[in-house]
Amino acid sequence: ASFAQEESRSLSENIKWAIKKGFESGKPHSMNRAFGYEWDGDRYQIVSKEAEAVKFIFEQYLAGYARERLPRLKH
């Protein structure tokens, strides 16, 4: 059991290190799409159709609004 726990800890540390190194070099941890952006293989590109919503979300966050208190966007 202690061998398995040490192996699990070691694997976890290796994954954390790889994620950190990827972030430092500008690579995303996951290739899941982030709203407002698309990954082109080298970096994120802004999706212009979604840029207005992303800007609104950031402005509301900086103004101190919580997600639950945000007004709904009109489509």
C-alpha atoms as a PDB file:
ATOM      1  CA  ALA A   1       0.000   0.000   0.000  1.00  0.00           C
ATOM      2  CA  SER A   2       2.797   2.439   0.832  1.00  0.00           C
ATOM      3  CA  PHE A   3       4.496   1.672  -2.504  1.00  0.00           C
ATOM      4  CA  ALA A   4       1.249   2.437  -4.369  1.00  0.00           C
ATOM      5  CA  GLN A   5       0.791   5.674  -2.426  1.00  0.00           C
ATOM      6  CA  GLU A   6       4.339   6.810  -3.228  1.00  0.00           C
ATOM      7  CA  GLU A   7       3.808   5.964  -6.906  1.00  0.00           C
ATOM      8  CA  SER A   8       0.589   8.000  -6.919  1.00  0.00           C
ATOM      9  CA  ARG A   9       2.331  10.964  -5.261  1.00  0.00           C
ATOM     10  CA  SER A  10       5.213  10.785  -7.736  1.00  0.00           C
ATOM     11  CA  LEU A  11       2.836  10.688 -10.695  1.00  0.00           C
ATOM     12  CA  SER A  12       0.925  13.670  -9.306  1.00  0.00           C
ATOM     13  CA  GLU A  13       4.137  15.691  -8.910  1.00  0.00           C
ATOM     14  CA  ASN A  14       5.215  14.850 -12.467  1.00  0.00           C
ATOM     15  CA  ILE A  15       1.860  15.951 -13.885  1.00  0.00           C
ATOM     16  CA  LYS A  16       1.917  19.207 -11.892  1.00  0.00           C
ATOM     17  CA  TRP A  17       5.446  19.900 -13.161  1.00  0.00           C
ATOM     18  CA  ALA A  18       4.418  19.264 -16.793  1.00  0.00           C
ATOM     19  CA  ILE A  19       1.377  21.533 -16.492  1.00  0.00           C
ATOM     20  CA  LYS A  20       3.468  24.314 -14.928  1.00  0.00           C
ATOM     21  CA  LYS A  21       6.128  24.063 -17.653  1.00  0.00           C
ATOM     22  CA  GLY A  22       3.442  24.150 -20.320  1.00  0.00           C
ATOM     23  CA  PHE A  23       1.907  27.307 -18.833  1.00  0.00           C
ATOM     24  CA  GLU A  24       5.334  28.929 -18.621  1.00  0.00           C
ATOM     25  CA  SER A  25       5.836  28.310 -22.337  1.00  0.00           C
ATOM     26  CA  GLY A  26       2.340  29.578 -23.203  1.00  0.00           C
ATOM     27  CA  LYS A  27       0.728  26.214 -23.911  1.00  0.00           C
ATOM     28  CA  PRO A  28      -2.726  25.464 -22.488  1.00  0.00           C
ATOM     29  CA  HIS A  29      -3.184  22.581 -20.073  1.00  0.00           C
ATOM     30  CA  SER A  30      -6.189  21.308 -21.942  1.00  0.00           C
ATOM     31  CA  MET A  31      -7.250  21.603 -25.542  1.00  0.00           C
ATOM     32  CA  ASN A  32     -10.809  22.261 -24.398  1.00  0.00           C
ATOM     33  CA  ARG A  33     -12.146  25.362 -26.019  1.00  0.00           C
ATOM     34  CA  ALA A  34     -12.295  28.497 -23.870  1.00  0.00           C
ATOM     35  CA  PHE A  35     -15.305  30.697 -24.667  1.00  0.00           C
ATOM     36  CA  GLY A  36     -14.175  33.611 -26.839  1.00  0.00           C
ATOM     37  CA  TYR A  37     -10.960  31.925 -27.924  1.00  0.00           C
ATOM     38  CA  GLU A  38      -9.782  29.150 -30.226  1.00  0.00           C
ATOM     39  CA  TRP A  39      -6.450  27.344 -30.042  1.00  0.00           C
ATOM     40  CA  ASP A  40      -4.653  27.403 -33.401  1.00  0.00           C
ATOM     41  CA  GLY A  41      -1.877  25.020 -32.367  1.00  0.00           C
ATOM     42  CA  ASP A  42       0.480  27.778 -31.235  1.00  0.00           C
ATOM     43  CA  ARG A  43      -1.655  30.221 -29.287  1.00  0.00           C
ATOM     44  CA  TYR A  44      -5.176  31.298 -28.523  1.00  0.00           C
ATOM     45  CA  GLN A  45      -6.941  33.404 -31.147  1.00  0.00           C
ATOM     46  CA  ILE A  46      -9.888  35.668 -30.332  1.00  0.00           C
ATOM     47  CA  VAL A  47     -13.249  34.633 -31.776  1.00  0.00           C
ATOM     48  CA  SER A  48     -14.660  37.995 -32.832  1.00  0.00           C
ATOM     49  CA  LYS A  49     -18.319  36.869 -32.589  1.00  0.00           C
ATOM     50  CA  GLU A  50     -17.786  36.102 -28.898  1.00  0.00           C
ATOM     51  CA  ALA A  51     -15.462  39.003 -28.052  1.00  0.00           C
ATOM     52  CA  GLU A  52     -18.277  41.346 -26.946  1.00  0.00           C
ATOM     53  CA  ALA A  53     -19.532  38.831 -24.388  1.00  0.00           C
ATOM     54  CA  VAL A  54     -16.020  38.147 -23.061  1.00  0.00           C
ATOM     55  CA  LYS A  55     -15.358  41.889 -22.699  1.00  0.00           C
ATOM     56  CA  PHE A  56     -18.663  42.315 -20.846  1.00  0.00           C
ATOM     57  CA  ILE A  57     -17.847  39.443 -18.470  1.00  0.00           C
ATOM     58  CA  PHE A  58     -14.418  40.882 -17.631  1.00  0.00           C
ATOM     59  CA  GLU A  59     -15.830  44.387 -17.121  1.00  0.00           C
ATOM     60  CA  GLN A  60     -18.496  43.063 -14.746  1.00  0.00           C
ATOM     61  CA  TYR A  61     -15.937  40.998 -12.843  1.00  0.00           C
ATOM     62  CA  LEU A  62     -13.627  44.001 -12.451  1.00  0.00           C
ATOM     63  CA  ALA A  63     -16.604  46.056 -11.252  1.00  0.00           C
ATOM     64  CA  GLY A  64     -17.086  43.515  -8.458  1.00  0.00           C
ATOM     65  CA  TYR A  65     -20.119  41.595  -9.703  1.00  0.00           C
ATOM     66  CA  ALA A  66     -20.445  37.933  -8.854  1.00  0.00           C
ATOM     67  CA  ARG A  67     -21.552  35.482 -11.533  1.00  0.00           C
ATOM     68  CA  GLU A  68     -24.917  35.001  -9.819  1.00  0.00           C
ATOM     69  CA  ARG A  69     -25.652  38.744  -9.954  1.00  0.00           C
ATOM     70  CA  LEU A  70     -24.791  39.356 -13.622  1.00  0.00           C
ATOM     71  CA  PRO A  71     -27.614  40.489 -15.898  1.00  0.00           C
ATOM     72  CA  ARG A  72     -28.491  38.124 -18.729  1.00  0.00           C
ATOM     73  CA  LEU A  73     -27.109  38.962 -22.182  1.00  0.00           C
ATOM     74  CA  LYS A  74     -29.608  39.494 -24.982  1.00  0.00           C
ATOM     75  CA  HIS A  75     -29.014  37.213 -27.958  1.00  0.00           C
END
